[in-house]
Amino acid sequence: MTVGHILRTLGRMTFGNLASRIYLGVVAGSVLALEVAVHGFGNGDYGFGLVYPMLLTSPAFFLVAPLFPWTDAAWAPYLTIALAALLQSLAIGALVRLVRRLSSSGPGQVVG
């Protein structure tokens, strides 16, 4: 297995199925809605607005958050949410792949 093959497989599992794409779209939509609400209708205060994207990316968010401690930089929470969403999408893709593999093997057959 080459590095290119591994990266291609990870890319397919992260972006190559409908469930992962829908999940990433929902997370991106929640972040976009947050930005529109804060900058379009609010006074620039996020308050509890970031809680929704955090909850959409949990439990991966709580695994990624300690790796990137939030500073005063405005981009830090978005980086954490983006990485957590990609990790979660990879997990969804792996689950879809497992379900497809199990369903294609037929009932009573051992997958191996």
PDB file of N, CA and C in Angstrom:
ATOM      1  N   MET A   1       0.841  -1.192   0.000  1.00  0.00           N
ATOM      2  CA  MET A   1       0.000   0.000   0.000  1.00  0.00           C
ATOM      3  C   MET A   1       0.880   1.247   0.000  1.00  0.00           C
ATOM      4  N   THR A   2       0.606   2.111  -0.905  1.00  0.00           N
ATOM      5  CA  THR A   2       1.363   3.352  -0.960  1.00  0.00           C
ATOM      6  C   THR A   2       0.624   4.438  -0.196  1.00  0.00           C
ATOM      7  N   VAL A   3       1.329   5.522   0.032  1.00  0.00           N
ATOM      8  CA  VAL A   3       0.722   6.650   0.742  1.00  0.00           C
ATOM      9  C   VAL A   3      -0.433   7.221  -0.072  1.00  0.00           C
ATOM     10  N   GLY A   4      -0.269   7.264  -1.384  1.00  0.00           N
ATOM     11  CA  GLY A   4      -1.342   7.764  -2.243  1.00  0.00           C
ATOM     12  C   GLY A   4      -2.598   6.914  -2.159  1.00  0.00           C
ATOM     13  N   HIS A   5      -2.407   5.612  -2.085  1.00  0.00           N
ATOM     14  CA  HIS A   5      -3.550   4.698  -1.964  1.00  0.00           C
ATOM     15  C   HIS A   5      -4.265   4.918  -0.637  1.00  0.00           C
ATOM     16  N   ILE A   6      -3.512   5.084   0.431  1.00  0.00           N
ATOM     17  CA  ILE A   6      -4.108   5.326   1.756  1.00  0.00           C
ATOM     18  C   ILE A   6      -4.866   6.641   1.772  1.00  0.00           C
ATOM     19  N   LEU A   7      -4.263   7.693   1.209  1.00  0.00           N
ATOM     20  CA  LEU A   7      -4.935   9.001   1.177  1.00  0.00           C
ATOM     21  C   LEU A   7      -6.198   8.954   0.321  1.00  0.00           C
ATOM     22  N   ARG A   8      -6.140   8.221  -0.789  1.00  0.00           N
ATOM     23  CA  ARG A   8      -7.320   8.088  -1.642  1.00  0.00           C
ATOM     24  C   ARG A   8      -8.441   7.353  -0.911  1.00  0.00           C
ATOM     25  N   THR A   9      -8.081   6.318  -0.171  1.00  0.00           N
ATOM     26  CA  THR A   9      -9.082   5.571   0.594  1.00  0.00           C
ATOM     27  C   THR A   9      -9.695   6.437   1.683  1.00  0.00           C
ATOM     28  N   LEU A  10      -8.859   7.192   2.396  1.00  0.00           N
ATOM     29  CA  LEU A  10      -9.381   8.091   3.434  1.00  0.00           C
ATOM     30  C   LEU A  10     -10.270   9.172   2.829  1.00  0.00           C
ATOM     31  N   GLY A  11      -9.877   9.691   1.678  1.00  0.00           N
ATOM     32  CA  GLY A  11     -10.696  10.694   1.002  1.00  0.00           C
ATOM     33  C   GLY A  11     -12.035  10.145   0.557  1.00  0.00           C
ATOM     34  N   ARG A  12     -12.035   8.907   0.058  1.00  0.00           N
ATOM     35  CA  ARG A  12     -13.299   8.281  -0.346  1.00  0.00           C
ATOM     36  C   ARG A  12     -14.208   8.042   0.842  1.00  0.00           C
ATOM     37  N   MET A  13     -13.621   7.628   1.958  1.00  0.00           N
ATOM     38  CA  MET A  13     -14.461   7.377   3.134  1.00  0.00           C
ATOM     39  C   MET A  13     -14.979   8.682   3.727  1.00  0.00           C
ATOM     40  N   THR A  14     -14.211   9.767   3.614  1.00  0.00           N
ATOM     41  CA  THR A  14     -14.637  11.038   4.193  1.00  0.00           C
ATOM     42  C   THR A  14     -15.652  11.757   3.314  1.00  0.00           C
ATOM     43  N   PHE A  15     -15.440  11.761   2.002  1.00  0.00           N
ATOM     44  CA  PHE A  15     -16.289  12.545   1.103  1.00  0.00           C
ATOM     45  C   PHE A  15     -17.072  11.708   0.096  1.00  0.00           C
ATOM     46  N   GLY A  16     -16.818  10.425   0.008  1.00  0.00           N
ATOM     47  CA  GLY A  16     -17.331   9.623  -1.094  1.00  0.00           C
ATOM     48  C   GLY A  16     -18.666   8.948  -0.887  1.00  0.00           C
ATOM     49  N   ASN A  17     -19.389   9.288   0.149  1.00  0.00           N
ATOM     50  CA  ASN A  17     -20.707   8.670   0.320  1.00  0.00           C
ATOM     51  C   ASN A  17     -21.713   9.747   0.703  1.00  0.00           C
ATOM     52  N   LEU A  18     -22.954   9.443   0.460  1.00  0.00           N
ATOM     53  CA  LEU A  18     -24.022  10.426   0.658  1.00  0.00           C
ATOM     54  C   LEU A  18     -24.170  10.836   2.119  1.00  0.00           C
ATOM     55  N   ALA A  19     -24.032   9.889   3.032  1.00  0.00           N
ATOM     56  CA  ALA A  19     -24.206  10.202   4.456  1.00  0.00           C
ATOM     57  C   ALA A  19     -23.156  11.202   4.937  1.00  0.00           C
ATOM     58  N   SER A  20     -21.907  11.018   4.530  1.00  0.00           N
ATOM     59  CA  SER A  20     -20.846  11.943   4.929  1.00  0.00           C
ATOM     60  C   SER A  20     -21.053  13.321   4.311  1.00  0.00           C
ATOM     61  N   ARG A  21     -21.479  13.346   3.055  1.00  0.00           N
ATOM     62  CA  ARG A  21     -21.711  14.632   2.393  1.00  0.00           C
ATOM     63  C   ARG A  21     -22.852  15.401   3.048  1.00  0.00           C
ATOM     64  N   ILE A  22     -23.917  14.701   3.399  1.00  0.00           N
ATOM     65  CA  ILE A  22     -25.036  15.366   4.074  1.00  0.00           C
ATOM     66  C   ILE A  22     -24.583  15.901   5.422  1.00  0.00           C
ATOM     67  N   TYR A  23     -23.828  15.100   6.162  1.00  0.00           N
ATOM     68  CA  TYR A  23     -23.339  15.534   7.473  1.00  0.00           C
ATOM     69  C   TYR A  23     -22.458  16.779   7.346  1.00  0.00           C
ATOM     70  N   LEU A  24     -21.518  16.772   6.404  1.00  0.00           N
ATOM     71  CA  LEU A  24     -20.652  17.937   6.226  1.00  0.00           C
ATOM     72  C   LEU A  24     -21.456  19.157   5.783  1.00  0.00           C
ATOM     73  N   GLY A  25     -22.485  18.952   4.971  1.00  0.00           N
ATOM     74  CA  GLY A  25     -23.350  20.055   4.566  1.00  0.00           C
ATOM     75  C   GLY A  25     -24.126  20.648   5.726  1.00  0.00           C
ATOM     76  N   VAL A  26     -24.598  19.799   6.629  1.00  0.00           N
ATOM     77  CA  VAL A  26     -25.328  20.288   7.806  1.00  0.00           C
ATOM     78  C   VAL A  26     -24.399  21.091   8.713  1.00  0.00           C
ATOM     79  N   VAL A  27     -23.178  20.601   8.916  1.00  0.00           N
ATOM     80  CA  VAL A  27     -22.222  21.333   9.755  1.00  0.00           C
ATOM     81  C   VAL A  27     -21.858  22.664   9.106  1.00  0.00           C
ATOM     82  N   ALA A  28     -21.575  22.654   7.807  1.00  0.00           N
ATOM     83  CA  ALA A  28     -21.247  23.902   7.113  1.00  0.00           C
ATOM     84  C   ALA A  28     -22.430  24.866   7.138  1.00  0.00           C
ATOM     85  N   GLY A  29     -23.641  24.350   6.987  1.00  0.00           N
ATOM     86  CA  GLY A  29     -24.830  25.200   7.055  1.00  0.00           C
ATOM     87  C   GLY A  29     -25.025  25.818   8.425  1.00  0.00           C
ATOM     88  N   SER A  30     -24.722  25.065   9.477  1.00  0.00           N
ATOM     89  CA  SER A  30     -24.880  25.629  10.822  1.00  0.00           C
ATOM     90  C   SER A  30     -23.857  26.725  11.084  1.00  0.00           C
ATOM     91  N   VAL A  31     -22.638  26.544  10.590  1.00  0.00           N
ATOM     92  CA  VAL A  31     -21.622  27.588  10.764  1.00  0.00           C
ATOM     93  C   VAL A  31     -21.986  28.813   9.932  1.00  0.00           C
ATOM     94  N   LEU A  32     -22.479  28.596   8.717  1.00  0.00           N
ATOM     95  CA  LEU A  32     -22.893  29.714   7.867  1.00  0.00           C
ATOM     96  C   LEU A  32     -24.075  30.458   8.478  1.00  0.00           C
ATOM     97  N   ALA A  33     -25.047  29.734   9.007  1.00  0.00           N
ATOM     98  CA  ALA A  33     -26.194  30.372   9.660  1.00  0.00           C
ATOM     99  C   ALA A  33     -25.754  31.166  10.881  1.00  0.00           C
ATOM    100  N   LEU A  34     -24.787  30.640  11.614  1.00  0.00           N
ATOM    101  CA  LEU A  34     -24.251  31.362  12.766  1.00  0.00           C
ATOM    102  C   LEU A  34     -23.612  32.672  12.334  1.00  0.00           C
ATOM    103  N   GLU A  35     -22.809  32.631  11.286  1.00  0.00           N
ATOM    104  CA  GLU A  35     -22.149  33.847  10.810  1.00  0.00           C
ATOM    105  C   GLU A  35     -23.159  34.879  10.305  1.00  0.00           C
ATOM    106  N   VAL A  36     -24.166  34.427   9.579  1.00  0.00           N
ATOM    107  CA  VAL A  36     -25.192  35.353   9.089  1.00  0.00           C
ATOM    108  C   VAL A  36     -25.954  35.964  10.253  1.00  0.00           C
ATOM    109  N   ALA A  37     -26.294  35.149  11.242  1.00  0.00           N
ATOM    110  CA  ALA A  37     -27.054  35.651  12.390  1.00  0.00           C
ATOM    111  C   ALA A  37     -26.239  36.636  13.210  1.00  0.00           C
ATOM    112  N   VAL A  38     -24.970  36.349  13.408  1.00  0.00           N
ATOM    113  CA  VAL A  38     -24.145  37.215  14.256  1.00  0.00           C
ATOM    114  C   VAL A  38     -23.796  38.511  13.544  1.00  0.00           C
ATOM    115  N   HIS A  39     -23.361  38.413  12.291  1.00  0.00           N
ATOM    116  CA  HIS A  39     -22.906  39.620  11.601  1.00  0.00           C
ATOM    117  C   HIS A  39     -24.019  40.342  10.855  1.00  0.00           C
ATOM    118  N   GLY A  40     -25.050  39.621  10.463  1.00  0.00           N
ATOM    119  CA  GLY A  40     -26.136  40.257   9.733  1.00  0.00           C
ATOM    120  C   GLY A  40     -27.196  40.860  10.623  1.00  0.00           C
ATOM    121  N   PHE A  41     -27.508  40.169  11.715  1.00  0.00           N
ATOM    122  CA  PHE A  41     -28.606  40.611  12.567  1.00  0.00           C
ATOM    123  C   PHE A  41     -28.174  40.971  13.974  1.00  0.00           C
ATOM    124  N   GLY A  42     -26.974  40.577  14.350  1.00  0.00           N
ATOM    125  CA  GLY A  42     -26.525  40.812  15.720  1.00  0.00           C
ATOM    126  C   GLY A  42     -25.509  41.928  15.797  1.00  0.00           C
ATOM    127  N   ASN A  43     -24.858  41.976  16.932  1.00  0.00           N
ATOM    128  CA  ASN A  43     -23.862  43.021  17.151  1.00  0.00           C
ATOM    129  C   ASN A  43     -22.446  42.455  17.132  1.00  0.00           C
ATOM    130  N   GLY A  44     -22.254  41.260  16.601  1.00  0.00           N
ATOM    131  CA  GLY A  44     -20.936  40.654  16.530  1.00  0.00           C
ATOM    132  C   GLY A  44     -20.583  39.801  17.730  1.00  0.00           C
ATOM    133  N   ASP A  45     -21.533  39.588  18.646  1.00  0.00           N
ATOM    134  CA  ASP A  45     -21.286  38.777  19.828  1.00  0.00           C
ATOM    135  C   ASP A  45     -21.805  37.364  19.575  1.00  0.00           C
ATOM    136  N   TYR A  46     -20.928  36.395  19.695  1.00  0.00           N
ATOM    137  CA  TYR A  46     -21.308  35.014  19.406  1.00  0.00           C
ATOM    138  C   TYR A  46     -22.131  34.384  20.513  1.00  0.00           C
ATOM    139  N   GLY A  47     -21.883  34.760  21.755  1.00  0.00           N
ATOM    140  CA  GLY A  47     -22.636  34.197  22.866  1.00  0.00           C
ATOM    141  C   GLY A  47     -22.592  32.684  22.852  1.00  0.00           C
ATOM    142  N   PHE A  48     -23.757  32.073  22.803  1.00  0.00           N
ATOM    143  CA  PHE A  48     -23.839  30.618  22.768  1.00  0.00           C
ATOM    144  C   PHE A  48     -23.974  30.084  21.342  1.00  0.00           C
ATOM    145  N   GLY A  49     -23.733  30.919  20.367  1.00  0.00           N
ATOM    146  CA  GLY A  49     -23.923  30.503  18.978  1.00  0.00           C
ATOM    147  C   GLY A  49     -23.037  29.355  18.540  1.00  0.00           C
ATOM    148  N   LEU A  50     -21.820  29.288  19.052  1.00  0.00           N
ATOM    149  CA  LEU A  50     -20.904  28.217  18.659  1.00  0.00           C
ATOM    150  C   LEU A  50     -21.263  26.869  19.275  1.00  0.00           C
ATOM    151  N   VAL A  51     -22.214  26.864  20.195  1.00  0.00           N
ATOM    152  CA  VAL A  51     -22.596  25.604  20.831  1.00  0.00           C
ATOM    153  C   VAL A  51     -23.215  24.649  19.808  1.00  0.00           C
ATOM    154  N   TYR A  52     -24.013  25.157  18.879  1.00  0.00           N
ATOM    155  CA  TYR A  52     -24.676  24.287  17.907  1.00  0.00           C
ATOM    156  C   TYR A  52     -23.679  23.570  16.992  1.00  0.00           C
ATOM    157  N   PRO A  53     -22.716  24.264  16.381  1.00  0.00           N
ATOM    158  CA  PRO A  53     -21.720  23.512  15.598  1.00  0.00           C
ATOM    159  C   PRO A  53     -20.885  22.563  16.458  1.00  0.00           C
ATOM    160  N   MET A  54     -20.628  22.943  17.704  1.00  0.00           N
ATOM    161  CA  MET A  54     -19.879  22.047  18.591  1.00  0.00           C
ATOM    162  C   MET A  54     -20.660  20.765  18.848  1.00  0.00           C
ATOM    163  N   LEU A  55     -21.944  20.904  19.104  1.00  0.00           N
ATOM    164  CA  LEU A  55     -22.766  19.724  19.377  1.00  0.00           C
ATOM    165  C   LEU A  55     -22.955  18.865  18.126  1.00  0.00           C
ATOM    166  N   LEU A  56     -23.005  19.501  16.956  1.00  0.00           N
ATOM    167  CA  LEU A  56     -23.130  18.732  15.719  1.00  0.00           C
ATOM    168  C   LEU A  56     -21.879  17.902  15.436  1.00  0.00           C
ATOM    169  N   THR A  57     -20.738  18.366  15.924  1.00  0.00           N
ATOM    170  CA  THR A  57     -19.493  17.646  15.668  1.00  0.00           C
ATOM    171  C   THR A  57     -19.055  16.780  16.841  1.00  0.00           C
ATOM    172  N   SER A  58     -19.885  16.697  17.879  1.00  0.00           N
ATOM    173  CA  SER A  58     -19.503  15.831  18.995  1.00  0.00           C
ATOM    174  C   SER A  58     -19.805  14.386  18.623  1.00  0.00           C
ATOM    175  N   PRO A  59     -19.094  13.433  19.090  1.00  0.00           N
ATOM    176  CA  PRO A  59     -18.043  13.414  20.102  1.00  0.00           C
ATOM    177  C   PRO A  59     -16.653  13.737  19.571  1.00  0.00           C
ATOM    178  N   ALA A  60     -16.493  13.849  18.251  1.00  0.00           N
ATOM    179  CA  ALA A  60     -15.163  14.129  17.707  1.00  0.00           C
ATOM    180  C   ALA A  60     -14.645  15.491  18.168  1.00  0.00           C
ATOM    181  N   PHE A  61     -15.558  16.437  18.401  1.00  0.00           N
ATOM    182  CA  PHE A  61     -15.132  17.763  18.851  1.00  0.00           C
ATOM    183  C   PHE A  61     -14.349  17.676  20.153  1.00  0.00           C
ATOM    184  N   PHE A  62     -14.818  16.824  21.059  1.00  0.00           N
ATOM    185  CA  PHE A  62     -14.170  16.736  22.361  1.00  0.00           C
ATOM    186  C   PHE A  62     -12.856  15.968  22.296  1.00  0.00           C
ATOM    187  N   LEU A  63     -12.606  15.262  21.211  1.00  0.00           N
ATOM    188  CA  LEU A  63     -11.306  14.638  20.997  1.00  0.00           C
ATOM    189  C   LEU A  63     -10.315  15.609  20.371  1.00  0.00           C
ATOM    190  N   VAL A  64     -10.808  16.502  19.515  1.00  0.00           N
ATOM    191  CA  VAL A  64      -9.944  17.438  18.801  1.00  0.00           C
ATOM    192  C   VAL A  64      -9.667  18.693  19.623  1.00  0.00           C
ATOM    193  N   ALA A  65     -10.616  19.129  20.435  1.00  0.00           N
ATOM    194  CA  ALA A  65     -10.495  20.395  21.167  1.00  0.00           C
ATOM    195  C   ALA A  65      -9.245  20.485  22.043  1.00  0.00           C
ATOM    196  N   PRO A  66      -8.842  19.446  22.770  1.00  0.00           N
ATOM    197  CA  PRO A  66      -7.622  19.588  23.575  1.00  0.00           C
ATOM    198  C   PRO A  66      -6.351  19.740  22.744  1.00  0.00           C
ATOM    199  N   LEU A  67      -6.384  19.325  21.488  1.00  0.00           N
ATOM    200  CA  LEU A  67      -5.207  19.462  20.638  1.00  0.00           C
ATOM    201  C   LEU A  67      -4.984  20.896  20.188  1.00  0.00           C
ATOM    202  N   PHE A  68      -6.059  21.661  20.110  1.00  0.00           N
ATOM    203  CA  PHE A  68      -5.983  23.051  19.666  1.00  0.00           C
ATOM    204  C   PHE A  68      -6.614  23.947  20.719  1.00  0.00           C
ATOM    205  N   PRO A  69      -5.867  24.306  21.756  1.00  0.00           N
ATOM    206  CA  PRO A  69      -6.471  25.168  22.784  1.00  0.00           C
ATOM    207  C   PRO A  69      -6.851  26.519  22.175  1.00  0.00           C
ATOM    208  N   TRP A  70      -8.039  26.945  22.522  1.00  0.00           N
ATOM    209  CA  TRP A  70      -8.546  28.179  21.937  1.00  0.00           C
ATOM    210  C   TRP A  70      -7.785  29.363  22.491  1.00  0.00           C
ATOM    211  N   THR A  71      -7.365  30.189  21.604  1.00  0.00           N
ATOM    212  CA  THR A  71      -6.699  31.428  21.970  1.00  0.00           C
ATOM    213  C   THR A  71      -7.666  32.561  21.683  1.00  0.00           C
ATOM    214  N   ASP A  72      -7.142  33.757  21.655  1.00  0.00           N
ATOM    215  CA  ASP A  72      -7.981  34.907  21.325  1.00  0.00           C
ATOM    216  C   ASP A  72      -8.209  35.034  19.823  1.00  0.00           C
ATOM    217  N   ALA A  73      -7.605  34.163  19.054  1.00  0.00           N
ATOM    218  CA  ALA A  73      -7.777  34.213  17.606  1.00  0.00           C
ATOM    219  C   ALA A  73      -9.204  33.810  17.235  1.00  0.00           C
ATOM    220  N   ALA A  74      -9.772  34.537  16.296  1.00  0.00           N
ATOM    221  CA  ALA A  74     -11.160  34.282  15.900  1.00  0.00           C
ATOM    222  C   ALA A  74     -11.302  32.990  15.109  1.00  0.00           C
ATOM    223  N   TRP A  75     -10.237  32.514  14.501  1.00  0.00           N
ATOM    224  CA  TRP A  75     -10.316  31.328  13.662  1.00  0.00           C
ATOM    225  C   TRP A  75     -10.169  30.023  14.442  1.00  0.00           C
ATOM    226  N   ALA A  76      -9.720  30.075  15.683  1.00  0.00           N
ATOM    227  CA  ALA A  76      -9.430  28.854  16.446  1.00  0.00           C
ATOM    228  C   ALA A  76     -10.655  27.948  16.627  1.00  0.00           C
ATOM    229  N   PRO A  77     -11.831  28.466  17.011  1.00  0.00           N
ATOM    230  CA  PRO A  77     -12.981  27.561  17.128  1.00  0.00           C
ATOM    231  C   PRO A  77     -13.399  26.961  15.789  1.00  0.00           C
ATOM    232  N   TYR A  78     -13.244  27.710  14.716  1.00  0.00           N
ATOM    233  CA  TYR A  78     -13.626  27.208  13.401  1.00  0.00           C
ATOM    234  C   TYR A  78     -12.692  26.099  12.934  1.00  0.00           C
ATOM    235  N   LEU A  79     -11.401  26.227  13.244  1.00  0.00           N
ATOM    236  CA  LEU A  79     -10.459  25.164  12.909  1.00  0.00           C
ATOM    237  C   LEU A  79     -10.801  23.888  13.666  1.00  0.00           C
ATOM    238  N   THR A  80     -11.124  24.032  14.939  1.00  0.00           N
ATOM    239  CA  THR A  80     -11.482  22.865  15.748  1.00  0.00           C
ATOM    240  C   THR A  80     -12.756  22.216  15.225  1.00  0.00           C
ATOM    241  N   ILE A  81     -13.752  23.022  14.892  1.00  0.00           N
ATOM    242  CA  ILE A  81     -15.017  22.489  14.367  1.00  0.00           C
ATOM    243  C   ILE A  81     -14.792  21.811  13.017  1.00  0.00           C
ATOM    244  N   ALA A  82     -13.965  22.416  12.154  1.00  0.00           N
ATOM    245  CA  ALA A  82     -13.704  21.824  10.837  1.00  0.00           C
ATOM    246  C   ALA A  82     -12.987  20.484  10.958  1.00  0.00           C
ATOM    247  N   LEU A  83     -11.970  20.414  11.792  1.00  0.00           N
ATOM    248  CA  LEU A  83     -11.248  19.151  11.961  1.00  0.00           C
ATOM    249  C   LEU A  83     -12.119  18.080  12.603  1.00  0.00           C
ATOM    250  N   ALA A  84     -12.942  18.491  13.564  1.00  0.00           N
ATOM    251  CA  ALA A  84     -13.851  17.530  14.200  1.00  0.00           C
ATOM    252  C   ALA A  84     -14.892  17.033  13.201  1.00  0.00           C
ATOM    253  N   ALA A  85     -15.382  17.920  12.338  1.00  0.00           N
ATOM    254  CA  ALA A  85     -16.361  17.504  11.330  1.00  0.00           C
ATOM    255  C   ALA A  85     -15.744  16.530  10.333  1.00  0.00           C
ATOM    256  N   LEU A  86     -14.490  16.764   9.947  1.00  0.00           N
ATOM    257  CA  LEU A  86     -13.827  15.839   9.033  1.00  0.00           C
ATOM    258  C   LEU A  86     -13.588  14.483   9.689  1.00  0.00           C
ATOM    259  N   LEU A  87     -13.204  14.498  10.958  1.00  0.00           N
ATOM    260  CA  LEU A  87     -13.005  13.240  11.680  1.00  0.00           C
ATOM    261  C   LEU A  87     -14.321  12.480  11.825  1.00  0.00           C
ATOM    262  N   GLN A  88     -15.373  13.211  12.139  1.00  0.00           N
ATOM    263  CA  GLN A  88     -16.697  12.584  12.276  1.00  0.00           C
ATOM    264  C   GLN A  88     -17.180  12.050  10.926  1.00  0.00           C
ATOM    265  N   SER A  89     -16.917  12.788   9.854  1.00  0.00           N
ATOM    266  CA  SER A  89     -17.305  12.341   8.523  1.00  0.00           C
ATOM    267  C   SER A  89     -16.537  11.084   8.124  1.00  0.00           C
ATOM    268  N   LEU A  90     -15.280  11.001   8.522  1.00  0.00           N
ATOM    269  CA  LEU A  90     -14.497   9.791   8.278  1.00  0.00           C
ATOM    270  C   LEU A  90     -15.100   8.601   9.016  1.00  0.00           C
ATOM    271  N   ALA A  91     -15.530   8.822  10.244  1.00  0.00           N
ATOM    272  CA  ALA A  91     -16.164   7.744  11.015  1.00  0.00           C
ATOM    273  C   ALA A  91     -17.484   7.315  10.375  1.00  0.00           C
ATOM    274  N   ILE A  92     -18.257   8.279   9.888  1.00  0.00           N
ATOM    275  CA  ILE A  92     -19.515   7.952   9.202  1.00  0.00           C
ATOM    276  C   ILE A  92     -19.222   7.152   7.934  1.00  0.00           C
ATOM    277  N   GLY A  93     -18.205   7.576   7.186  1.00  0.00           N
ATOM    278  CA  GLY A  93     -17.824   6.853   5.977  1.00  0.00           C
ATOM    279  C   GLY A  93     -17.361   5.437   6.263  1.00  0.00           C
ATOM    280  N   ALA A  94     -16.618   5.254   7.352  1.00  0.00           N
ATOM    281  CA  ALA A  94     -16.180   3.907   7.730  1.00  0.00           C
ATOM    282  C   ALA A  94     -17.373   3.039   8.109  1.00  0.00           C
ATOM    283  N   LEU A  95     -18.340   3.629   8.783  1.00  0.00           N
ATOM    284  CA  LEU A  95     -19.545   2.883   9.150  1.00  0.00           C
ATOM    285  C   LEU A  95     -20.348   2.492   7.911  1.00  0.00           C
ATOM    286  N   VAL A  96     -20.482   3.410   6.963  1.00  0.00           N
ATOM    287  CA  VAL A  96     -21.191   3.108   5.714  1.00  0.00           C
ATOM    288  C   VAL A  96     -20.473   1.995   4.961  1.00  0.00           C
ATOM    289  N   ARG A  97     -19.157   2.062   4.919  1.00  0.00           N
ATOM    290  CA  ARG A  97     -18.374   1.027   4.238  1.00  0.00           C
ATOM    291  C   ARG A  97     -18.564  -0.337   4.900  1.00  0.00           C
ATOM    292  N   LEU A  98     -18.574  -0.358   6.226  1.00  0.00           N
ATOM    293  CA  LEU A  98     -18.780  -1.610   6.953  1.00  0.00           C
ATOM    294  C   LEU A  98     -20.170  -2.184   6.689  1.00  0.00           C
ATOM    295  N   VAL A  99     -21.182  -1.319   6.708  1.00  0.00           N
ATOM    296  CA  VAL A  99     -22.551  -1.785   6.454  1.00  0.00           C
ATOM    297  C   VAL A  99     -22.674  -2.327   5.035  1.00  0.00           C
ATOM    298  N   ARG A 100     -22.066  -1.660   4.064  1.00  0.00           N
ATOM    299  CA  ARG A 100     -22.112  -2.154   2.682  1.00  0.00           C
ATOM    300  C   ARG A 100     -21.408  -3.501   2.558  1.00  0.00           C
ATOM    301  N   ARG A 101     -20.273  -3.622   3.218  1.00  0.00           N
ATOM    302  CA  ARG A 101     -19.525  -4.874   3.149  1.00  0.00           C
ATOM    303  C   ARG A 101     -20.325  -6.015   3.782  1.00  0.00           C
ATOM    304  N   LEU A 102     -20.953  -5.735   4.921  1.00  0.00           N
ATOM    305  CA  LEU A 102     -21.734  -6.776   5.584  1.00  0.00           C
ATOM    306  C   LEU A 102     -22.982  -7.142   4.793  1.00  0.00           C
ATOM    307  N   SER A 103     -23.617  -6.146   4.181  1.00  0.00           N
ATOM    308  CA  SER A 103     -24.838  -6.438   3.425  1.00  0.00           C
ATOM    309  C   SER A 103     -24.532  -7.135   2.103  1.00  0.00           C
ATOM    310  N   SER A 104     -23.362  -6.910   1.530  1.00  0.00           N
ATOM    311  CA  SER A 104     -23.031  -7.564   0.264  1.00  0.00           C
ATOM    312  C   SER A 104     -22.575  -9.003   0.463  1.00  0.00           C
ATOM    313  N   SER A 105     -22.163  -9.339   1.681  1.00  0.00           N
ATOM    314  CA  SER A 105     -21.701 -10.707   1.919  1.00  0.00           C
ATOM    315  C   SER A 105     -22.860 -11.686   2.050  1.00  0.00           C
ATOM    316  N   GLY A 106     -24.043 -11.178   2.293  1.00  0.00           N
ATOM    317  CA  GLY A 106     -25.212 -12.045   2.392  1.00  0.00           C
ATOM    318  C   GLY A 106     -25.396 -12.572   3.801  1.00  0.00           C
ATOM    319  N   PRO A 107     -26.565 -13.123   4.071  1.00  0.00           N
ATOM    320  CA  PRO A 107     -26.838 -13.613   5.418  1.00  0.00           C
ATOM    321  C   PRO A 107     -26.067 -14.900   5.711  1.00  0.00           C
ATOM    322  N   GLY A 108     -25.525 -14.965   6.903  1.00  0.00           N
ATOM    323  CA  GLY A 108     -24.868 -16.170   7.365  1.00  0.00           C
ATOM    324  C   GLY A 108     -23.453 -16.368   6.862  1.00  0.00           C
ATOM    325  N   GLN A 109     -22.927 -15.443   6.080  1.00  0.00           N
ATOM    326  CA  GLN A 109     -21.564 -15.579   5.591  1.00  0.00           C
ATOM    327  C   GLN A 109     -20.624 -14.790   6.480  1.00  0.00           C
ATOM    328  N   VAL A 110     -19.425 -15.283   6.616  1.00  0.00           N
ATOM    329  CA  VAL A 110     -18.423 -14.621   7.447  1.00  0.00           C
ATOM    330  C   VAL A 110     -17.649 -13.646   6.577  1.00  0.00           C
ATOM    331  N   VAL A 111     -17.500 -12.411   7.077  1.00  0.00           N
ATOM    332  CA  VAL A 111     -16.735 -11.398   6.364  1.00  0.00           C
ATOM    333  C   VAL A 111     -15.306 -11.471   6.862  1.00  0.00           C
ATOM    334  N   GLY A 112     -14.367 -11.501   5.958  1.00  0.00           N
ATOM    335  CA  GLY A 112     -12.992 -11.573   6.431  1.00  0.00           C
ATOM    336  C   GLY A 112     -11.987 -11.297   5.383  1.00  0.00           C
TER     337      GLY A 112
END
